[in-house]
Amino acid sequence: MRISQDHGPHQGQDAGRPARGRAGAALTVLVALALLTGCGGGGNDSASKPAKGAAHADRVEPLAAAPAPKLPVTVDSADGKKVTIDSTDRIVPLTGSLSEIVFTLGFGKQVVARDITATFEQAEKLPVVTRAHDVSAESVLSLKPTVVLADTTTGPAEAIDQIRSAGIPLLVVEPAKGLDDVGRRIDTVAEALGVPAAGTELKERTEARIAAVQKTIPDHADGKKPRVAFLYLRGSASVYLLGGAESGASSLLEAAGAVDAGKTSGLKKDFTAITSEALAKAAPDAILLMTKGFDSVGGMDGLVKIPGIAETPAGMDRRVVTIDDGVLLNYGPRTDRVLADIVEQLYAKGGKGQ
């Protein structure tokens, strides 16, 4: 994967700051770290193989009709500014989730750059203008964008100010924290690009597909929902974190008919360092992981060597759910696929995982 030479932090600096005050900010850093630091150890454990639906998770599915923007439009930015957009000829989305929405609305040919977390196939040849969660204003401006899309976790603030000072319309969007934010984000981007009707179509399509996946969730014979812990692992950087109420994964797990084990065990923050005591209290029946994080610890054999994992029901049953880093927490047009993959893996083979 190509990474532009920008002014972002070194990997070692990033590794120490994944758990920030807001869930959206923490998740941006976590996904960027997962993509930047690569995988160490084995990846041959059968549990690391994606579910059937995940085979297509690296592509977005644009709407059938080509977009016909009605411009100019003036919209409210999440940072309190009014932004007038009069051209969508050259679009720069500064997060992977925003890129996903822009491409799915049908504007893929107008996108001229991507950030490191935009990993889907249609975007992979675009120049990268971020490193981790930091934007290179110089890289963005060199591409002469007509509109830039960011969210409140995008930084540094100096880069955002520099882009705006150059006269480029820059819209800041509130980040997604859960399923309830999917429709709002789609509507916001569609309005900014002058295609509100396409936004409504995409929102309705996405919500209908999510609802259809939820109908496939099997009944719990014993009346108990599976307890699932979301772990963020970066074996190469010795980062081992347990997700809490603000991790961003609770909404997905609950939609999949599960219980967020970290949240219900009393962890109120986004992420907490893994300890045997915290895992024992969470007592997960299964563990949700980003694929690169799972690979970075050496797959299942390495996972159960992390203190406390082997003693949990999930560790004893070797029950894991792995989802691609670049899509797990986007909460956008592909969230139905993410949810379908979680459901398929969580309830596979009588609920014993892979």
Protein backbone atom coordinates (compact mmCIF):
# COMPACT_ATOMS: atom_id res chain seq x y z
CA MET A 1 0.00 0.00 0.00
CA ARG A 2 1.41 3.40 -0.97
CA ILE A 3 1.70 6.03 1.73
CA SER A 4 2.40 9.65 0.86
CA GLN A 5 5.27 11.48 2.50
CA ASP A 6 3.34 13.77 4.81
CA HIS A 7 3.70 15.27 8.23
CA GLY A 8 1.87 12.63 10.25
CA PRO A 9 3.27 11.05 13.42
CA HIS A 10 5.57 8.08 13.50
CA GLN A 11 4.06 4.70 14.21
CA GLY A 12 5.68 4.58 17.59
CA GLN A 13 3.93 7.80 18.55
CA ASP A 14 0.57 6.49 17.40
CA ALA A 15 0.90 3.23 19.28
CA GLY A 16 0.66 5.01 22.59
CA ARG A 17 -2.53 6.96 21.94
CA PRO A 18 -5.33 4.75 20.63
CA ALA A 19 -7.72 5.33 23.53
CA ARG A 20 -8.73 8.98 23.19
CA GLY A 21 -11.59 10.85 24.80
CA ARG A 22 -14.16 10.32 22.05
CA ALA A 23 -14.98 6.97 20.54
CA GLY A 24 -14.78 8.28 16.98
CA ALA A 25 -11.28 9.62 17.49
CA ALA A 26 -10.11 6.41 19.11
CA LEU A 27 -11.51 4.30 16.31
CA THR A 28 -9.87 6.43 13.63
CA VAL A 29 -6.50 5.89 15.26
CA LEU A 30 -7.09 2.18 15.82
CA VAL A 31 -8.03 1.47 12.23
CA ALA A 32 -5.12 3.57 10.96
CA LEU A 33 -2.73 1.74 13.25
CA ALA A 34 -4.01 -1.60 12.06
CA LEU A 35 -3.40 -0.62 8.46
CA LEU A 36 -0.01 1.01 9.02
CA THR A 37 1.77 -1.40 11.31
CA GLY A 38 1.13 -4.56 9.31
CA CYS A 39 0.82 -8.08 10.65
CA GLY A 40 3.28 -10.12 12.59
CA GLY A 41 3.10 -13.80 13.31
CA GLY A 42 1.03 -16.43 11.63
CA GLY A 43 -2.13 -15.93 9.67
CA ASN A 44 -2.80 -19.56 8.88
CA ASP A 45 -5.29 -20.36 11.61
CA SER A 46 -8.59 -21.34 10.03
CA ALA A 47 -10.44 -18.83 12.23
CA SER A 48 -8.78 -15.95 10.37
CA LYS A 49 -10.58 -16.84 7.14
CA PRO A 50 -13.41 -14.44 6.33
CA ALA A 51 -17.01 -15.53 6.13
CA LYS A 52 -18.52 -15.99 2.70
CA GLY A 53 -19.91 -12.47 2.58
CA ALA A 54 -16.54 -10.94 3.39
CA ALA A 55 -15.14 -11.99 0.01
CA HIS A 56 -16.78 -8.86 -1.42
CA ALA A 57 -16.02 -6.54 1.50
CA ASP A 58 -13.19 -4.83 -0.36
CA ARG A 59 -15.57 -3.29 -2.92
CA VAL A 60 -18.38 -0.78 -2.62
CA GLU A 61 -21.64 -1.08 -4.56
CA PRO A 62 -22.55 2.27 -6.17
CA LEU A 63 -26.15 3.19 -6.83
CA ALA A 64 -27.36 2.30 -10.32
CA ALA A 65 -28.13 5.86 -11.43
CA ALA A 66 -25.29 8.27 -12.14
CA PRO A 67 -25.33 11.33 -9.85
CA ALA A 68 -26.64 14.63 -11.24
CA PRO A 69 -25.69 17.24 -8.64
CA LYS A 70 -27.76 20.38 -8.19
CA LEU A 71 -25.25 23.01 -7.15
CA PRO A 72 -24.34 25.30 -5.52
CA VAL A 73 -25.46 24.25 -2.06
CA THR A 74 -24.73 25.77 1.33
CA VAL A 75 -24.58 23.37 4.24
CA ASP A 76 -23.78 23.48 7.95
CA SER A 77 -20.40 22.08 8.95
CA ALA A 78 -20.09 20.21 12.25
CA ASP A 79 -17.50 22.75 13.41
CA GLY A 80 -20.03 25.58 13.24
CA LYS A 81 -19.19 27.01 9.83
CA LYS A 82 -21.35 27.49 6.74
CA VAL A 83 -19.84 25.86 3.65
CA THR A 84 -20.85 26.60 0.07
CA ILE A 85 -20.05 23.91 -2.49
CA ASP A 86 -20.35 24.72 -6.17
CA SER A 87 -18.40 21.87 -7.78
CA THR A 88 -17.95 18.14 -7.22
CA ASP A 89 -15.37 17.76 -9.99
CA ARG A 90 -12.48 16.96 -7.62
CA ILE A 91 -13.46 15.46 -4.26
CA VAL A 92 -11.11 14.58 -1.39
CA PRO A 93 -12.71 12.57 1.44
CA LEU A 94 -10.39 12.46 4.46
CA THR A 95 -11.71 9.32 6.15
CA GLY A 96 -12.34 5.83 4.84
CA SER A 97 -15.97 5.90 5.92
CA LEU A 98 -16.63 9.15 4.07
CA SER A 99 -14.88 7.75 0.99
CA GLU A 100 -17.18 4.75 1.14
CA ILE A 101 -20.27 6.98 1.10
CA VAL A 102 -18.95 9.20 -1.71
CA PHE A 103 -18.11 6.23 -3.93
CA THR A 104 -21.41 4.49 -3.20
CA LEU A 105 -23.35 7.62 -4.12
CA GLY A 106 -21.69 7.30 -7.54
CA PHE A 107 -18.95 9.94 -7.34
CA GLY A 108 -16.00 7.55 -7.60
CA LYS A 109 -14.63 9.11 -10.81
CA GLN A 110 -14.51 12.52 -9.17
CA VAL A 111 -12.53 11.39 -6.11
CA VAL A 112 -8.88 12.41 -6.52
CA ALA A 113 -7.34 11.17 -3.24
CA ARG A 114 -7.94 8.96 -0.23
CA ASP A 115 -6.82 8.55 3.34
CA ILE A 116 -5.05 5.46 4.66
CA THR A 117 -8.28 3.89 5.96
CA ALA A 118 -10.00 3.85 2.55
CA THR A 119 -9.05 0.27 1.69
CA PHE A 120 -11.75 -0.81 -0.75
CA GLU A 121 -10.75 -1.83 -4.26
CA GLN A 122 -12.13 1.12 -6.22
CA ALA A 123 -10.04 3.56 -4.17
CA GLU A 124 -6.77 1.66 -3.89
CA LYS A 125 -4.93 3.41 -6.76
CA LEU A 126 -5.65 6.93 -5.50
CA PRO A 127 -2.85 8.94 -3.90
CA VAL A 128 -2.87 8.87 -0.08
CA VAL A 129 -2.97 12.26 1.65
CA THR A 130 -3.01 11.12 5.28
CA ARG A 131 -0.77 9.10 7.53
CA ALA A 132 -2.57 7.49 10.44
CA HIS A 133 -5.19 10.13 11.28
CA ASP A 134 -3.10 13.17 10.30
CA VAL A 135 -3.71 15.08 7.08
CA SER A 136 -1.02 16.57 4.87
CA ALA A 137 -2.49 19.91 3.80
CA GLU A 138 0.20 20.27 1.15
CA SER A 139 -0.72 16.91 -0.40
CA VAL A 140 -4.40 17.80 -0.44
CA LEU A 141 -3.89 21.25 -1.95
CA SER A 142 -1.54 19.91 -4.64
CA LEU A 143 -4.48 17.96 -6.06
CA LYS A 144 -6.59 21.12 -6.50
CA PRO A 145 -9.76 19.78 -4.90
CA THR A 146 -13.11 21.52 -5.37
CA VAL A 147 -14.49 20.06 -2.13
CA VAL A 148 -12.93 18.33 0.88
CA LEU A 149 -14.87 16.17 3.33
CA ALA A 150 -13.59 15.55 6.86
CA ASP A 151 -15.03 14.61 10.22
CA THR A 152 -14.46 15.99 13.69
CA THR A 153 -11.69 13.44 14.34
CA THR A 154 -9.68 14.63 11.32
CA GLY A 155 -6.54 16.57 12.16
CA PRO A 156 -4.32 18.27 12.84
CA ALA A 157 -6.37 21.46 13.16
CA GLU A 158 -3.58 23.39 11.43
CA ALA A 159 -4.02 21.28 8.29
CA ILE A 160 -7.78 21.86 8.24
CA ASP A 161 -7.22 25.61 8.67
CA GLN A 162 -4.61 25.63 5.91
CA ILE A 163 -6.97 23.94 3.45
CA ARG A 164 -9.77 26.37 4.29
CA SER A 165 -7.44 29.36 4.08
CA ALA A 166 -6.64 28.34 0.51
CA GLY A 167 -10.31 28.86 -0.34
CA ILE A 168 -11.28 25.18 -0.63
CA PRO A 169 -14.80 24.33 0.58
CA LEU A 170 -14.26 21.94 3.50
CA LEU A 171 -17.18 20.24 5.24
CA VAL A 172 -16.73 18.63 8.65
CA VAL A 173 -19.15 15.78 9.41
CA GLU A 174 -19.94 14.33 12.83
CA PRO A 175 -18.36 10.85 13.14
CA ALA A 176 -20.41 7.66 13.39
CA LYS A 177 -20.66 5.96 16.77
CA GLY A 178 -23.26 3.34 15.95
CA LEU A 179 -25.97 2.06 13.62
CA ASP A 180 -28.20 5.06 14.34
CA ASP A 181 -25.63 7.28 12.64
CA VAL A 182 -25.62 5.48 9.28
CA GLY A 183 -28.55 7.34 7.76
CA ARG A 184 -27.49 10.71 9.13
CA ARG A 185 -24.02 10.46 7.62
CA ILE A 186 -25.32 9.39 4.22
CA ASP A 187 -27.83 12.27 4.17
CA THR A 188 -25.17 14.80 5.19
CA VAL A 189 -22.72 13.80 2.46
CA ALA A 190 -25.42 13.52 -0.20
CA GLU A 191 -26.76 16.99 0.60
CA ALA A 192 -23.26 18.47 0.43
CA LEU A 193 -22.68 16.91 -2.98
CA GLY A 194 -26.00 18.16 -4.31
CA VAL A 195 -27.75 14.78 -4.56
CA PRO A 196 -30.17 14.55 -1.59
CA ALA A 197 -32.50 12.18 -3.46
CA ALA A 198 -29.63 9.77 -4.07
CA GLY A 199 -28.82 10.02 -0.38
CA THR A 200 -32.35 9.02 0.52
CA GLU A 201 -32.16 6.08 -1.87
CA LEU A 202 -28.85 4.89 -0.44
CA LYS A 203 -30.03 5.36 3.14
CA GLU A 204 -33.17 3.33 2.51
CA ARG A 205 -31.21 0.61 0.71
CA THR A 206 -28.70 0.36 3.55
CA GLU A 207 -31.30 0.33 6.32
CA ALA A 208 -33.37 -2.30 4.49
CA ARG A 209 -30.33 -4.55 4.08
CA ILE A 210 -29.39 -4.21 7.75
CA ALA A 211 -32.95 -5.11 8.75
CA ALA A 212 -32.86 -8.13 6.42
CA VAL A 213 -29.64 -9.39 8.06
CA GLN A 214 -31.18 -9.07 11.51
CA LYS A 215 -34.01 -11.37 10.45
CA THR A 216 -31.44 -14.14 9.90
CA ILE A 217 -30.25 -14.14 13.52
CA PRO A 218 -31.14 -17.52 15.06
CA ASP A 219 -33.19 -17.77 18.23
CA HIS A 220 -31.23 -18.36 21.41
CA ALA A 221 -32.42 -21.75 22.58
CA ASP A 222 -31.40 -21.15 26.20
CA GLY A 223 -32.66 -17.58 26.18
CA LYS A 224 -29.15 -16.22 26.69
CA LYS A 225 -27.49 -13.92 24.22
CA PRO A 226 -23.80 -14.60 23.49
CA ARG A 227 -21.41 -12.28 25.31
CA VAL A 228 -18.85 -10.87 22.86
CA ALA A 229 -15.75 -8.87 23.77
CA PHE A 230 -14.25 -6.50 21.22
CA LEU A 231 -10.46 -6.58 21.45
CA TYR A 232 -8.01 -4.28 19.71
CA LEU A 233 -4.68 -6.06 19.30
CA ARG A 234 -1.42 -4.91 17.78
CA GLY A 235 1.09 -7.60 18.56
CA SER A 236 3.96 -5.81 16.81
CA ALA A 237 3.46 -2.78 19.07
CA SER A 238 2.50 -4.72 22.23
CA VAL A 239 -0.91 -3.05 22.29
CA TYR A 240 -3.69 -5.18 23.82
CA LEU A 241 -6.97 -3.41 24.55
CA LEU A 242 -10.46 -4.44 25.63
CA GLY A 243 -13.36 -2.41 24.25
CA GLY A 244 -15.82 -0.76 26.63
CA ALA A 245 -19.06 1.19 26.28
CA GLU A 246 -17.53 3.81 23.95
CA SER A 247 -15.50 1.48 21.70
CA GLY A 248 -17.94 1.85 18.82
CA ALA A 249 -18.62 -1.88 18.54
CA SER A 250 -21.56 -2.11 20.97
CA SER A 251 -24.15 -1.13 18.39
CA LEU A 252 -22.99 -3.81 15.94
CA LEU A 253 -22.86 -6.52 18.58
CA GLU A 254 -26.30 -5.68 19.88
CA ALA A 255 -27.70 -5.62 16.33
CA ALA A 256 -26.24 -9.11 15.89
CA GLY A 257 -28.22 -10.38 18.86
CA ALA A 258 -25.22 -10.37 21.18
CA VAL A 259 -24.16 -8.58 24.36
CA ASP A 260 -21.10 -6.33 24.47
CA ALA A 261 -19.18 -8.12 27.22
CA GLY A 262 -16.86 -5.20 27.94
CA LYS A 263 -19.70 -2.72 28.21
CA THR A 264 -21.86 -4.90 30.46
CA SER A 265 -18.92 -5.69 32.71
CA GLY A 266 -18.79 -2.02 33.64
CA LEU A 267 -16.10 -0.63 31.30
CA LYS A 268 -17.34 2.87 30.53
CA LYS A 269 -14.39 4.15 28.49
CA ASP A 270 -13.59 3.36 24.87
CA PHE A 271 -10.66 1.01 25.48
CA THR A 272 -8.93 -0.38 28.56
CA ALA A 273 -5.69 -2.35 28.77
CA ILE A 274 -6.38 -6.08 28.84
CA THR A 275 -5.92 -7.72 32.24
CA SER A 276 -6.84 -11.18 33.48
CA GLU A 277 -9.21 -9.56 35.96
CA ALA A 278 -11.01 -7.49 33.31
CA LEU A 279 -11.39 -10.51 31.04
CA ALA A 280 -12.68 -12.67 33.86
CA LYS A 281 -15.31 -10.05 34.67
CA ALA A 282 -16.29 -9.67 31.02
CA ALA A 283 -16.46 -13.48 30.61
CA PRO A 284 -16.93 -13.39 26.82
CA ASP A 285 -18.38 -16.35 24.96
CA ALA A 286 -16.73 -15.04 21.78
CA ILE A 287 -14.18 -12.41 20.82
CA LEU A 288 -14.56 -9.86 18.02
CA LEU A 289 -11.28 -8.85 16.36
CA MET A 290 -10.00 -6.87 13.42
CA THR A 291 -8.36 -9.30 11.01
CA LYS A 292 -4.94 -7.64 11.05
CA GLY A 293 -4.96 -7.55 14.83
CA PHE A 294 -5.75 -11.26 14.98
CA ASP A 295 -2.94 -11.99 12.54
CA SER A 296 -0.54 -9.72 14.45
CA VAL A 297 -0.61 -11.98 17.51
CA GLY A 298 -0.18 -15.17 15.50
CA GLY A 299 -3.79 -16.22 15.02
CA MET A 300 -5.65 -18.39 17.51
CA ASP A 301 -2.56 -20.00 18.99
CA GLY A 302 -1.09 -16.59 19.77
CA LEU A 303 -4.39 -15.15 20.96
CA VAL A 304 -4.81 -17.70 23.76
CA LYS A 305 -1.30 -16.88 25.03
CA ILE A 306 -2.41 -13.35 25.98
CA PRO A 307 -2.89 -13.46 29.77
CA GLY A 308 -6.49 -14.18 30.67
CA ILE A 309 -7.76 -15.13 27.21
CA ALA A 310 -7.41 -18.91 27.58
CA GLU A 311 -9.44 -18.86 30.79
CA THR A 312 -12.48 -17.16 29.23
CA PRO A 313 -15.30 -19.21 27.66
CA ALA A 314 -14.23 -17.73 24.29
CA GLY A 315 -10.64 -18.84 24.77
CA MET A 316 -11.60 -22.31 25.89
CA ASP A 317 -13.91 -22.74 22.90
CA ARG A 318 -11.50 -20.93 20.53
CA ARG A 319 -14.45 -18.86 19.43
CA VAL A 320 -13.59 -15.72 17.49
CA VAL A 321 -15.17 -13.43 14.91
CA THR A 322 -12.78 -11.57 12.59
CA ILE A 323 -13.75 -8.64 10.35
CA ASP A 324 -11.59 -6.64 7.95
CA ASP A 325 -10.03 -3.57 9.58
CA GLY A 326 -11.05 -1.16 6.85
CA VAL A 327 -14.78 -1.80 7.16
CA LEU A 328 -15.63 -3.04 10.67
CA LEU A 329 -16.53 0.30 12.28
CA ASN A 330 -17.34 2.47 9.26
CA TYR A 331 -21.10 2.52 9.89
CA GLY A 332 -21.94 3.23 6.29
CA PRO A 333 -23.26 1.59 3.10
CA ARG A 334 -21.40 -1.69 3.75
CA THR A 335 -22.46 -2.13 7.37
CA ASP A 336 -25.04 -4.73 6.36
CA ARG A 337 -22.17 -6.91 5.05
CA VAL A 338 -20.25 -6.41 8.28
CA LEU A 339 -23.29 -7.38 10.31
CA ALA A 340 -23.91 -10.42 8.09
CA ASP A 341 -20.31 -11.57 8.58
CA ILE A 342 -20.59 -11.19 12.35
CA VAL A 343 -23.84 -13.13 12.44
CA GLU A 344 -22.51 -15.88 10.19
CA GLN A 345 -19.34 -16.38 12.18
CA LEU A 346 -20.87 -15.93 15.62
CA TYR A 347 -23.57 -18.52 15.08
CA ALA A 348 -21.63 -20.89 12.81
CA LYS A 349 -21.50 -24.58 13.70
CA GLY A 350 -23.90 -24.34 16.55
CA GLY A 351 -22.29 -21.19 17.87
CA LYS A 352 -18.81 -22.64 18.36
CA GLY A 353 -17.08 -20.37 15.87
CA GLN A 354 -14.61 -21.65 13.31
